[in-house]
Structure formats: C-alpha cells, structure tokens
N, C-alpha and C. Protein backbone atom coordinates (compact mmCIF):
# COMPACT_ATOMS: atom_id res chain seq x y z
N ARG A 1 0.82 -1.20 0.00
CA ARG A 1 0.00 0.00 0.00
C ARG A 1 0.86 1.26 0.00
N GLU A 2 1.92 1.25 0.79
CA GLU A 2 2.80 2.42 0.89
C GLU A 2 3.55 2.67 -0.41
N ARG A 3 3.83 1.60 -1.17
CA ARG A 3 4.59 1.74 -2.41
C ARG A 3 3.88 2.68 -3.39
N TYR A 4 2.56 2.70 -3.37
CA TYR A 4 1.79 3.57 -4.26
C TYR A 4 1.76 5.02 -3.78
N GLY A 5 2.06 5.25 -2.52
CA GLY A 5 1.99 6.59 -1.94
C GLY A 5 0.72 6.76 -1.14
N MET A 6 0.86 7.36 0.03
CA MET A 6 -0.29 7.55 0.91
C MET A 6 -0.96 8.89 0.60
N HIS A 7 -1.43 9.02 -0.62
CA HIS A 7 -2.14 10.21 -1.08
C HIS A 7 -3.24 9.71 -2.02
N PRO A 8 -4.23 10.55 -2.32
CA PRO A 8 -5.37 10.07 -3.11
C PRO A 8 -5.00 9.39 -4.43
N LEU A 9 -4.08 9.95 -5.21
CA LEU A 9 -3.73 9.33 -6.48
C LEU A 9 -3.15 7.94 -6.27
N GLY A 10 -2.23 7.80 -5.34
CA GLY A 10 -1.62 6.50 -5.07
C GLY A 10 -2.64 5.46 -4.65
N GLN A 11 -3.52 5.83 -3.74
CA GLN A 11 -4.50 4.88 -3.25
C GLN A 11 -5.56 4.57 -4.31
N ASN A 12 -5.88 5.55 -5.16
CA ASN A 12 -6.81 5.29 -6.27
C ASN A 12 -6.21 4.34 -7.30
N LEU A 13 -4.90 4.47 -7.57
CA LEU A 13 -4.26 3.54 -8.51
C LEU A 13 -4.13 2.14 -7.90
N LEU A 14 -3.92 2.05 -6.60
CA LEU A 14 -3.92 0.74 -5.95
C LEU A 14 -5.29 0.09 -6.08
N LEU A 15 -6.34 0.86 -5.86
CA LEU A 15 -7.70 0.34 -6.04
C LEU A 15 -7.93 -0.09 -7.49
N ALA A 16 -7.41 0.68 -8.44
CA ALA A 16 -7.54 0.32 -9.85
C ALA A 16 -6.86 -1.02 -10.13
N ARG A 17 -5.67 -1.24 -9.57
CA ARG A 17 -4.98 -2.53 -9.76
C ARG A 17 -5.81 -3.67 -9.20
N ARG A 18 -6.41 -3.46 -8.04
CA ARG A 18 -7.26 -4.50 -7.44
C ARG A 18 -8.47 -4.77 -8.33
N MET A 19 -9.00 -3.72 -8.94
CA MET A 19 -10.15 -3.89 -9.84
C MET A 19 -9.74 -4.67 -11.09
N VAL A 20 -8.55 -4.41 -11.62
CA VAL A 20 -8.04 -5.17 -12.77
C VAL A 20 -7.96 -6.65 -12.39
N GLU A 21 -7.41 -6.93 -11.21
CA GLU A 21 -7.30 -8.33 -10.74
C GLU A 21 -8.66 -8.99 -10.63
N ALA A 22 -9.68 -8.20 -10.27
CA ALA A 22 -11.03 -8.75 -10.10
C ALA A 22 -11.77 -8.89 -11.43
N GLY A 23 -11.15 -8.42 -12.53
CA GLY A 23 -11.76 -8.59 -13.84
C GLY A 23 -12.48 -7.39 -14.40
N VAL A 24 -12.41 -6.25 -13.73
CA VAL A 24 -13.05 -5.05 -14.27
C VAL A 24 -12.32 -4.68 -15.56
N ARG A 25 -13.07 -4.39 -16.61
CA ARG A 25 -12.47 -4.22 -17.93
C ARG A 25 -12.13 -2.79 -18.31
N PHE A 26 -12.74 -1.80 -17.68
CA PHE A 26 -12.43 -0.41 -18.01
C PHE A 26 -12.48 0.41 -16.73
N ILE A 27 -11.41 1.11 -16.44
CA ILE A 27 -11.29 1.87 -15.19
C ILE A 27 -10.76 3.26 -15.52
N THR A 28 -11.35 4.27 -14.95
CA THR A 28 -10.85 5.64 -15.07
C THR A 28 -10.47 6.12 -13.69
N VAL A 29 -9.27 6.68 -13.56
CA VAL A 29 -8.81 7.23 -12.28
C VAL A 29 -8.54 8.71 -12.48
N ASN A 30 -9.14 9.53 -11.64
CA ASN A 30 -8.88 10.96 -11.66
C ASN A 30 -7.45 11.21 -11.20
N GLY A 31 -6.77 12.15 -11.83
CA GLY A 31 -5.37 12.43 -11.50
C GLY A 31 -5.15 13.28 -10.28
N TRP A 32 -6.11 13.37 -9.38
CA TRP A 32 -5.96 14.20 -8.18
C TRP A 32 -4.84 13.66 -7.31
N THR A 33 -3.91 14.53 -6.95
CA THR A 33 -2.79 14.10 -6.11
C THR A 33 -3.00 14.44 -4.65
N GLY A 34 -4.03 15.19 -4.35
CA GLY A 34 -4.29 15.59 -2.97
C GLY A 34 -3.62 16.91 -2.64
N PRO A 35 -4.20 17.65 -1.72
CA PRO A 35 -3.65 18.96 -1.38
C PRO A 35 -2.38 18.86 -0.55
N ALA A 36 -1.58 19.89 -0.65
CA ALA A 36 -0.39 19.99 0.21
C ALA A 36 -0.85 20.25 1.63
N PRO A 37 -0.08 19.80 2.63
CA PRO A 37 -0.46 20.06 4.02
C PRO A 37 -0.74 21.54 4.25
N GLY A 38 -1.89 21.83 4.84
CA GLY A 38 -2.24 23.20 5.17
C GLY A 38 -2.80 24.01 4.02
N SER A 39 -2.99 23.41 2.84
CA SER A 39 -3.46 24.19 1.70
C SER A 39 -4.96 24.12 1.50
N GLY A 40 -5.66 23.39 2.34
CA GLY A 40 -7.10 23.26 2.18
C GLY A 40 -7.43 22.02 1.36
N ASN A 41 -8.71 21.82 1.13
CA ASN A 41 -9.15 20.60 0.47
C ASN A 41 -9.72 20.78 -0.93
N GLY A 42 -10.05 21.98 -1.32
CA GLY A 42 -10.76 22.14 -2.59
C GLY A 42 -9.90 22.63 -3.72
N PRO A 43 -10.48 22.63 -4.92
CA PRO A 43 -9.78 23.16 -6.07
C PRO A 43 -9.45 24.62 -5.83
N PRO A 44 -8.44 25.20 -6.45
CA PRO A 44 -7.60 24.56 -7.43
C PRO A 44 -6.40 23.84 -6.84
N ALA A 45 -6.17 23.93 -5.52
CA ALA A 45 -4.96 23.36 -4.94
C ALA A 45 -4.88 21.86 -5.13
N SER A 46 -6.01 21.21 -5.29
CA SER A 46 -6.02 19.75 -5.34
C SER A 46 -6.13 19.21 -6.76
N SER A 47 -5.84 20.04 -7.76
CA SER A 47 -6.01 19.55 -9.13
C SER A 47 -4.77 19.77 -9.97
N TRP A 48 -4.80 19.18 -11.16
CA TRP A 48 -3.71 19.36 -12.13
C TRP A 48 -3.93 20.60 -12.98
N ASP A 49 -4.99 21.35 -12.73
CA ASP A 49 -5.28 22.53 -13.54
C ASP A 49 -4.40 23.68 -13.06
N MET A 50 -3.11 23.55 -13.32
CA MET A 50 -2.13 24.49 -12.77
C MET A 50 -1.61 25.45 -13.81
N HIS A 51 -2.20 26.60 -13.84
CA HIS A 51 -1.71 27.64 -14.74
C HIS A 51 -0.44 28.27 -14.18
N GLY A 52 -0.28 28.19 -12.87
CA GLY A 52 0.89 28.81 -12.24
C GLY A 52 0.69 30.30 -12.15
N GLY A 53 1.77 31.03 -12.08
CA GLY A 53 1.68 32.47 -12.00
C GLY A 53 1.29 32.92 -10.61
N ALA A 54 0.66 34.07 -10.52
CA ALA A 54 0.38 34.71 -9.24
C ALA A 54 -0.96 34.28 -8.68
N MET A 55 -1.18 32.99 -8.51
CA MET A 55 -2.47 32.51 -8.02
C MET A 55 -2.43 32.21 -6.53
N GLY A 56 -1.33 32.52 -5.87
CA GLY A 56 -1.26 32.34 -4.44
C GLY A 56 -1.03 30.92 -3.98
N MET A 57 -0.75 30.02 -4.89
CA MET A 57 -0.56 28.61 -4.53
C MET A 57 0.83 28.12 -4.89
N GLY A 58 1.72 28.98 -5.23
CA GLY A 58 3.03 28.55 -5.71
C GLY A 58 2.97 28.48 -7.22
N ASP A 59 4.10 28.64 -7.87
CA ASP A 59 4.02 28.69 -9.32
C ASP A 59 4.03 27.30 -9.93
N ALA A 60 3.73 27.20 -11.21
CA ALA A 60 3.52 25.91 -11.87
C ALA A 60 4.70 24.97 -11.74
N PHE A 61 5.91 25.51 -11.64
CA PHE A 61 7.08 24.65 -11.55
C PHE A 61 7.66 24.62 -10.15
N GLY A 62 6.98 25.25 -9.20
CA GLY A 62 7.46 25.27 -7.83
C GLY A 62 6.92 24.11 -7.02
N THR A 63 7.09 24.19 -5.72
CA THR A 63 6.69 23.10 -4.84
C THR A 63 5.37 23.34 -4.15
N GLY A 64 4.71 24.47 -4.43
CA GLY A 64 3.39 24.70 -3.86
C GLY A 64 2.42 23.65 -4.35
N SER A 65 1.29 23.52 -3.68
CA SER A 65 0.33 22.47 -4.05
C SER A 65 -0.30 22.73 -5.41
N TYR A 66 0.01 23.86 -6.01
CA TYR A 66 -0.52 24.18 -7.31
C TYR A 66 0.57 24.06 -8.37
N GLY A 67 1.61 23.29 -8.07
CA GLY A 67 2.73 23.22 -8.98
C GLY A 67 3.18 21.81 -9.30
N MET A 68 3.95 21.69 -10.37
CA MET A 68 4.49 20.41 -10.80
C MET A 68 5.41 19.81 -9.74
N GLY A 69 6.10 20.66 -9.00
CA GLY A 69 6.99 20.16 -7.95
C GLY A 69 6.24 19.41 -6.87
N TRP A 70 4.94 19.65 -6.75
CA TRP A 70 4.10 18.91 -5.81
C TRP A 70 3.48 17.70 -6.50
N CYS A 71 2.94 17.87 -7.69
CA CYS A 71 2.18 16.81 -8.36
C CYS A 71 3.04 15.74 -9.02
N LEU A 72 4.11 16.12 -9.70
CA LEU A 72 4.90 15.13 -10.44
C LEU A 72 5.51 14.03 -9.58
N PRO A 73 6.08 14.34 -8.41
CA PRO A 73 6.61 13.24 -7.59
C PRO A 73 5.53 12.23 -7.18
N ARG A 74 4.33 12.70 -6.94
CA ARG A 74 3.24 11.80 -6.56
C ARG A 74 2.79 10.95 -7.76
N LEU A 75 2.74 11.56 -8.94
CA LEU A 75 2.43 10.79 -10.15
C LEU A 75 3.50 9.75 -10.40
N ASP A 76 4.76 10.13 -10.30
CA ASP A 76 5.87 9.20 -10.52
C ASP A 76 5.80 8.03 -9.55
N GLU A 77 5.59 8.32 -8.29
CA GLU A 77 5.51 7.28 -7.26
C GLU A 77 4.35 6.32 -7.54
N ALA A 78 3.17 6.86 -7.78
CA ALA A 78 1.98 6.03 -7.94
C ALA A 78 1.95 5.27 -9.26
N LEU A 79 2.29 5.95 -10.36
CA LEU A 79 2.24 5.31 -11.67
C LEU A 79 3.31 4.25 -11.82
N SER A 80 4.52 4.52 -11.31
CA SER A 80 5.57 3.49 -11.40
C SER A 80 5.21 2.29 -10.54
N ALA A 81 4.57 2.52 -9.39
CA ALA A 81 4.13 1.40 -8.55
C ALA A 81 3.06 0.57 -9.28
N LEU A 82 2.12 1.25 -9.94
CA LEU A 82 1.08 0.54 -10.68
C LEU A 82 1.68 -0.32 -11.79
N LEU A 83 2.56 0.26 -12.59
CA LEU A 83 3.14 -0.48 -13.71
C LEU A 83 3.98 -1.66 -13.22
N THR A 84 4.77 -1.44 -12.16
CA THR A 84 5.59 -2.52 -11.58
C THR A 84 4.69 -3.62 -11.04
N ASP A 85 3.66 -3.23 -10.31
CA ASP A 85 2.73 -4.19 -9.71
C ASP A 85 2.02 -5.01 -10.79
N LEU A 86 1.53 -4.35 -11.83
CA LEU A 86 0.86 -5.08 -12.92
C LEU A 86 1.81 -6.05 -13.60
N LYS A 87 3.06 -5.62 -13.82
CA LYS A 87 4.04 -6.50 -14.47
C LYS A 87 4.36 -7.70 -13.58
N GLU A 88 4.61 -7.46 -12.29
CA GLU A 88 4.94 -8.55 -11.36
C GLU A 88 3.82 -9.56 -11.25
N ARG A 89 2.58 -9.13 -11.41
CA ARG A 89 1.43 -10.02 -11.30
C ARG A 89 1.01 -10.62 -12.64
N GLY A 90 1.77 -10.32 -13.70
CA GLY A 90 1.45 -10.86 -15.02
C GLY A 90 0.23 -10.23 -15.66
N LEU A 91 -0.11 -9.02 -15.26
CA LEU A 91 -1.31 -8.37 -15.78
C LEU A 91 -1.04 -7.27 -16.80
N LEU A 92 0.21 -6.81 -16.90
CA LEU A 92 0.50 -5.66 -17.75
C LEU A 92 0.31 -5.96 -19.24
N GLU A 93 0.59 -7.17 -19.65
CA GLU A 93 0.48 -7.51 -21.07
C GLU A 93 -0.97 -7.45 -21.56
N ASP A 94 -1.92 -7.58 -20.63
CA ASP A 94 -3.34 -7.53 -21.00
C ASP A 94 -4.05 -6.29 -20.46
N THR A 95 -3.28 -5.35 -19.93
CA THR A 95 -3.86 -4.12 -19.36
C THR A 95 -3.22 -2.92 -20.05
N LEU A 96 -4.04 -2.02 -20.55
CA LEU A 96 -3.54 -0.79 -21.15
C LEU A 96 -3.66 0.33 -20.13
N VAL A 97 -2.56 1.02 -19.87
CA VAL A 97 -2.53 2.15 -18.95
C VAL A 97 -2.24 3.40 -19.78
N VAL A 98 -3.12 4.38 -19.68
CA VAL A 98 -2.95 5.65 -20.39
C VAL A 98 -3.02 6.77 -19.36
N ALA A 99 -1.99 7.59 -19.30
CA ALA A 99 -1.97 8.75 -18.40
C ALA A 99 -1.80 9.99 -19.27
N MET A 100 -2.82 10.83 -19.25
CA MET A 100 -2.77 12.02 -20.10
C MET A 100 -3.82 13.02 -19.66
N GLY A 101 -3.67 14.23 -20.14
CA GLY A 101 -4.69 15.25 -20.03
C GLY A 101 -5.21 15.54 -21.42
N GLU A 102 -6.06 16.52 -21.52
CA GLU A 102 -6.64 16.80 -22.84
C GLU A 102 -5.92 17.92 -23.58
N PHE A 103 -4.89 18.49 -22.99
CA PHE A 103 -4.13 19.54 -23.66
C PHE A 103 -2.82 19.78 -22.94
N GLY A 104 -1.93 20.50 -23.61
CA GLY A 104 -0.68 20.93 -22.99
C GLY A 104 -0.83 22.33 -22.44
N ARG A 105 0.28 23.00 -22.25
CA ARG A 105 0.28 24.37 -21.73
C ARG A 105 0.95 25.30 -22.73
N SER A 106 0.43 26.51 -22.81
CA SER A 106 0.95 27.49 -23.77
C SER A 106 2.44 27.74 -23.51
N PRO A 107 3.19 27.99 -24.57
CA PRO A 107 4.63 28.17 -24.41
C PRO A 107 5.01 29.49 -23.74
N LYS A 108 4.09 30.44 -23.70
CA LYS A 108 4.39 31.74 -23.09
C LYS A 108 3.46 31.99 -21.91
N ILE A 109 3.96 32.75 -20.96
CA ILE A 109 3.17 33.14 -19.79
C ILE A 109 2.15 34.20 -20.22
N ALA A 110 0.90 34.01 -19.86
CA ALA A 110 -0.14 34.97 -20.21
C ALA A 110 0.03 36.26 -19.42
N THR A 111 -0.21 37.37 -20.07
CA THR A 111 -0.12 38.66 -19.39
C THR A 111 -1.51 39.26 -19.16
N LYS A 112 -2.54 38.70 -19.82
CA LYS A 112 -3.91 39.15 -19.64
C LYS A 112 -4.76 37.94 -19.27
N GLY A 113 -5.86 38.20 -18.57
CA GLY A 113 -6.73 37.10 -18.17
C GLY A 113 -6.09 36.32 -17.03
N PRO A 114 -6.37 35.01 -16.94
CA PRO A 114 -5.76 34.23 -15.86
C PRO A 114 -4.24 34.24 -15.99
N PRO A 115 -3.53 34.40 -14.89
CA PRO A 115 -2.07 34.41 -14.99
C PRO A 115 -1.52 33.02 -15.28
N GLY A 116 -0.31 32.97 -15.77
CA GLY A 116 0.36 31.69 -15.99
C GLY A 116 0.22 31.18 -17.40
N ARG A 117 0.40 29.87 -17.57
CA ARG A 117 0.35 29.24 -18.88
C ARG A 117 -1.06 28.72 -19.14
N LEU A 118 -1.59 29.05 -20.29
CA LEU A 118 -2.97 28.72 -20.63
C LEU A 118 -3.06 27.35 -21.31
N HIS A 119 -4.30 26.93 -21.60
CA HIS A 119 -4.53 25.66 -22.28
C HIS A 119 -3.95 25.73 -23.69
N TRP A 120 -3.36 24.62 -24.16
CA TRP A 120 -2.66 24.61 -25.45
C TRP A 120 -2.85 23.25 -26.12
N PRO A 121 -3.87 23.10 -26.96
CA PRO A 121 -4.12 21.79 -27.57
C PRO A 121 -3.17 21.43 -28.71
N GLN A 122 -2.34 22.35 -29.15
CA GLN A 122 -1.47 22.09 -30.30
C GLN A 122 -0.35 21.09 -30.00
N CYS A 123 0.01 20.92 -28.73
CA CYS A 123 1.14 20.04 -28.40
C CYS A 123 1.01 19.57 -26.96
N PHE A 124 0.97 18.26 -26.75
CA PHE A 124 0.93 17.71 -25.39
C PHE A 124 1.46 16.29 -25.40
N SER A 125 1.62 15.72 -24.23
CA SER A 125 2.21 14.39 -24.09
C SER A 125 1.23 13.42 -23.47
N ALA A 126 1.51 12.14 -23.66
CA ALA A 126 0.73 11.08 -23.03
C ALA A 126 1.69 9.95 -22.67
N ILE A 127 1.37 9.23 -21.61
CA ILE A 127 2.09 8.03 -21.23
C ILE A 127 1.18 6.85 -21.57
N VAL A 128 1.69 5.90 -22.34
CA VAL A 128 0.91 4.73 -22.74
C VAL A 128 1.77 3.50 -22.44
N ALA A 129 1.21 2.54 -21.71
CA ALA A 129 1.98 1.34 -21.33
C ALA A 129 1.08 0.12 -21.31
N GLY A 130 1.69 -1.04 -21.48
CA GLY A 130 0.96 -2.30 -21.44
C GLY A 130 0.41 -2.69 -22.81
N CYS A 131 -0.28 -3.82 -22.87
CA CYS A 131 -0.92 -4.32 -24.10
C CYS A 131 0.02 -4.32 -25.30
N GLY A 132 1.27 -4.71 -25.08
CA GLY A 132 2.20 -4.81 -26.19
C GLY A 132 2.98 -3.55 -26.51
N ILE A 133 2.74 -2.46 -25.79
CA ILE A 133 3.50 -1.22 -26.01
C ILE A 133 4.92 -1.44 -25.48
N ARG A 134 5.92 -1.05 -26.28
CA ARG A 134 7.32 -1.18 -25.84
C ARG A 134 7.58 -0.26 -24.66
N GLY A 135 8.21 -0.78 -23.63
CA GLY A 135 8.56 0.03 -22.47
C GLY A 135 9.74 0.94 -22.76
N GLY A 136 9.76 2.10 -22.13
CA GLY A 136 10.89 3.01 -22.21
C GLY A 136 11.05 3.76 -23.50
N ALA A 137 10.10 3.66 -24.40
CA ALA A 137 10.22 4.33 -25.70
C ALA A 137 9.66 5.75 -25.63
N VAL A 138 10.23 6.63 -26.40
CA VAL A 138 9.71 7.98 -26.59
C VAL A 138 9.40 8.12 -28.07
N TYR A 139 8.21 8.59 -28.37
CA TYR A 139 7.81 8.75 -29.77
C TYR A 139 7.41 10.20 -30.00
N GLY A 140 7.98 10.82 -30.99
CA GLY A 140 7.66 12.21 -31.31
C GLY A 140 8.53 13.17 -30.52
N GLU A 141 8.51 14.42 -30.96
CA GLU A 141 9.34 15.44 -30.34
C GLU A 141 8.69 16.80 -30.58
N SER A 142 8.77 17.66 -29.57
CA SER A 142 8.27 19.02 -29.74
C SER A 142 9.44 19.97 -29.93
N ASP A 143 9.12 21.19 -30.33
CA ASP A 143 10.17 22.21 -30.37
C ASP A 143 10.57 22.55 -28.93
N LYS A 144 11.56 23.40 -28.76
CA LYS A 144 12.11 23.64 -27.43
C LYS A 144 11.14 24.33 -26.48
N THR A 145 10.09 24.98 -27.00
CA THR A 145 9.12 25.63 -26.11
C THR A 145 7.85 24.81 -25.93
N GLY A 146 7.76 23.66 -26.57
CA GLY A 146 6.54 22.86 -26.48
C GLY A 146 5.38 23.46 -27.26
N SER A 147 5.69 24.32 -28.23
CA SER A 147 4.65 24.98 -29.03
C SER A 147 4.02 24.06 -30.06
N ALA A 148 4.87 23.22 -30.67
CA ALA A 148 4.40 22.40 -31.79
C ALA A 148 5.27 21.16 -31.93
N PRO A 149 4.70 20.07 -32.44
CA PRO A 149 5.52 18.89 -32.71
C PRO A 149 6.47 19.17 -33.87
N ILE A 150 7.70 18.64 -33.78
CA ILE A 150 8.65 18.81 -34.89
C ILE A 150 9.02 17.49 -35.54
N SER A 151 8.71 16.37 -34.89
CA SER A 151 8.92 15.08 -35.54
C SER A 151 7.88 14.08 -35.05
N ASP A 152 7.45 13.23 -35.93
CA ASP A 152 6.48 12.17 -35.63
C ASP A 152 5.26 12.68 -34.86
N PRO A 153 4.55 13.67 -35.37
CA PRO A 153 3.36 14.14 -34.66
C PRO A 153 2.29 13.05 -34.60
N VAL A 154 1.57 13.00 -33.51
CA VAL A 154 0.47 12.06 -33.33
C VAL A 154 -0.79 12.88 -33.09
N THR A 155 -1.78 12.73 -33.94
CA THR A 155 -3.03 13.46 -33.76
C THR A 155 -3.87 12.77 -32.68
N ALA A 156 -4.89 13.47 -32.22
CA ALA A 156 -5.82 12.85 -31.26
C ALA A 156 -6.45 11.61 -31.88
N GLN A 157 -6.73 11.67 -33.18
CA GLN A 157 -7.31 10.52 -33.88
C GLN A 157 -6.33 9.34 -33.92
N ASP A 158 -5.04 9.64 -34.11
CA ASP A 158 -4.03 8.58 -34.11
C ASP A 158 -3.92 7.94 -32.72
N LEU A 159 -3.96 8.76 -31.68
CA LEU A 159 -3.91 8.23 -30.32
C LEU A 159 -5.13 7.35 -30.05
N HIS A 160 -6.30 7.80 -30.48
CA HIS A 160 -7.52 7.01 -30.34
C HIS A 160 -7.38 5.67 -31.05
N ALA A 161 -6.89 5.69 -32.28
CA ALA A 161 -6.72 4.45 -33.05
C ALA A 161 -5.68 3.54 -32.39
N THR A 162 -4.64 4.12 -31.80
CA THR A 162 -3.60 3.34 -31.11
C THR A 162 -4.18 2.65 -29.89
N ILE A 163 -4.99 3.37 -29.13
CA ILE A 163 -5.63 2.80 -27.94
C ILE A 163 -6.57 1.66 -28.35
N LEU A 164 -7.38 1.88 -29.39
CA LEU A 164 -8.28 0.82 -29.86
C LEU A 164 -7.49 -0.40 -30.32
N HIS A 165 -6.41 -0.18 -31.07
CA HIS A 165 -5.57 -1.29 -31.54
C HIS A 165 -4.99 -2.07 -30.36
N ALA A 166 -4.47 -1.35 -29.37
CA ALA A 166 -3.87 -2.02 -28.20
C ALA A 166 -4.89 -2.86 -27.46
N MET A 167 -6.14 -2.41 -27.43
CA MET A 167 -7.19 -3.14 -26.72
C MET A 167 -7.84 -4.22 -27.59
N GLY A 168 -7.39 -4.31 -28.85
CA GLY A 168 -7.96 -5.33 -29.73
C GLY A 168 -9.32 -4.98 -30.28
N VAL A 169 -9.68 -3.70 -30.23
CA VAL A 169 -10.97 -3.26 -30.77
C VAL A 169 -10.74 -2.86 -32.23
N PRO A 170 -11.43 -3.49 -33.16
CA PRO A 170 -11.20 -3.15 -34.57
C PRO A 170 -11.69 -1.75 -34.90
N LEU A 171 -10.93 -1.07 -35.75
CA LEU A 171 -11.39 0.21 -36.26
C LEU A 171 -12.55 -0.06 -37.20
N PHE A 172 -13.41 0.90 -37.36
CA PHE A 172 -14.60 0.71 -38.19
C PHE A 172 -14.22 0.44 -39.64
N ASP A 173 -14.83 -0.58 -40.18
CA ASP A 173 -14.68 -0.92 -41.60
C ASP A 173 -16.09 -1.07 -42.15
N ALA A 174 -16.45 -0.20 -43.06
CA ALA A 174 -17.82 -0.20 -43.59
C ALA A 174 -18.19 -1.51 -44.26
N THR A 175 -17.19 -2.32 -44.62
CA THR A 175 -17.49 -3.57 -45.32
C THR A 175 -17.69 -4.74 -44.36
N LYS A 176 -17.44 -4.52 -43.08
CA LYS A 176 -17.54 -5.62 -42.11
C LYS A 176 -18.44 -5.23 -40.96
N ASN A 177 -19.24 -6.18 -40.50
CA ASN A 177 -20.03 -5.98 -39.30
C ASN A 177 -19.19 -6.49 -38.13
N THR A 178 -18.73 -5.59 -37.28
CA THR A 178 -17.85 -5.99 -36.17
C THR A 178 -18.61 -6.59 -35.01
N GLY A 179 -19.93 -6.43 -35.00
CA GLY A 179 -20.71 -6.93 -33.88
C GLY A 179 -20.75 -5.96 -32.72
N LEU A 180 -20.03 -4.85 -32.82
CA LEU A 180 -20.07 -3.85 -31.76
C LEU A 180 -21.38 -3.08 -31.85
N ALA A 181 -21.93 -2.75 -30.70
CA ALA A 181 -23.18 -1.99 -30.69
C ALA A 181 -22.98 -0.63 -31.35
N ARG A 182 -21.82 -0.04 -31.14
CA ARG A 182 -21.50 1.24 -31.75
C ARG A 182 -20.15 1.13 -32.43
N PRO A 183 -20.10 1.22 -33.74
CA PRO A 183 -18.82 1.11 -34.43
C PRO A 183 -17.87 2.21 -33.99
N GLN A 184 -16.59 1.90 -33.93
CA GLN A 184 -15.58 2.86 -33.51
C GLN A 184 -15.04 3.59 -34.73
N PHE A 185 -15.56 4.77 -34.98
CA PHE A 185 -15.08 5.57 -36.10
C PHE A 185 -13.79 6.25 -35.69
N SER A 186 -12.81 6.20 -36.52
CA SER A 186 -11.58 6.93 -36.28
C SER A 186 -10.90 7.15 -37.62
N THR A 187 -10.52 8.38 -37.87
CA THR A 187 -9.78 8.67 -39.09
C THR A 187 -8.28 8.51 -38.86
N GLY A 188 -7.90 8.19 -37.63
CA GLY A 188 -6.49 8.04 -37.30
C GLY A 188 -5.95 6.68 -37.65
N LYS A 189 -4.65 6.58 -37.58
CA LYS A 189 -3.95 5.32 -37.80
C LYS A 189 -3.19 4.97 -36.53
N PRO A 190 -3.21 3.69 -36.11
CA PRO A 190 -2.44 3.30 -34.92
C PRO A 190 -0.96 3.59 -35.12
N VAL A 191 -0.30 4.04 -34.08
CA VAL A 191 1.14 4.29 -34.14
C VAL A 191 1.83 2.96 -33.86
N MET A 192 2.08 2.20 -34.91
CA MET A 192 2.61 0.84 -34.78
C MET A 192 4.04 0.82 -34.23
N ALA A 193 4.77 1.92 -34.36
CA ALA A 193 6.14 1.99 -33.84
C ALA A 193 6.18 1.87 -32.32
N LEU A 194 5.04 2.06 -31.65
CA LEU A 194 5.00 1.92 -30.19
C LEU A 194 4.95 0.47 -29.74
N PHE A 195 4.59 -0.43 -30.64
CA PHE A 195 4.41 -1.83 -30.28
C PHE A 195 5.67 -2.63 -30.58
N GLY A 196 5.83 -3.74 -29.83
CA GLY A 196 6.93 -4.62 -30.17
C GLY A 196 7.82 -5.01 -29.10
C-alpha cells in the first residue's frame, strides 16, 4: 500500500490494480494528487489545472500544491508502482494504462486574463503502457518551447486508433459488421512503432 503513496492518487491507482485483478475491464482514475499540508481541500490546490503564476498557490514549476513540484513526484511514485505491480502479477500484457490530459500548456506566460500558462491543444504528451507497447520508448518530439511537434506528430485521432488497436478493438470498416453496438469511427492510424 505504501509503495503507491499515501495520497489520493496512489490509493486510487492501488484500487484500480485491485479492480483489474477482479476482472473489471475499463477503469478511469482521476489524477488528483491531494492537497499539500495546510493548503485546504478544494480546487484549485487539489487539481492538475495548474496555470501557475500569481495565483497564491506557488508557481507551476514550484513546490506549492498548485505546482508540478508537488504533483509530479506523486504521479511518478503512484504510476511506477502501478506499472511494476501489474508486471509482477502478469497483468501488464493484458492491461492498457494511459496517463494524459486533454491539452498541454501554452509556451508563453499569459499577461492578460488568468495568470500563468494557458490551455494549449497544439502540443501535449501522453504516457501509454501495457498491451504490447514497448517500455521506455519515446515517440515524437516538440520544439524547445513545447509549441508544436517537430517530428512524428500524433493526432488525437491517431492516439484514439492506437488505444483501440492495443485493446484489440477493430477500427470501423464499412465492409464488415464488427458486432459492436457502436462502431468505432476513427480517421487516425495506430502508431505501430510503439508496439513490439
């Protein structure tokens, strides 16, 4: 239990591993890492929605409960424990783990509106493991400010197709009846370089 971290994210990922063992087929875990001691219990201190800047919670790259210095160590502790635990129990090959948000952060600090770095859908990262994904691989690259991909860009549709491929869900083919209640439409292509 301690290996996952004694914070909400760690304990939620431990519960997720137990659910995988029990046969639950789809699990979503909120990325809440829990508030820093003395910072209160509610948003924004307890969330990943960290614009940083002058919000009174520490800046995005600092150690305040509103910063990466607080959240990243907890994610590292909990996610590495989950992946290790799944592998040791022989479950990782049949379990897909995806850790991501829906956008990155703007390359420049905002001077108007909310302070800090704003939402930036043009470039972001995801961690994908299990179900045949090669461990330790990095795919794609952004420019030095994280503004845009400069090599091997992956669209949201490609990521969707990659997730479906890893889970063994066929992409929609108009010539075949897959038997799925709702066909999985995707214009993306699975990133096959991640497998192997």
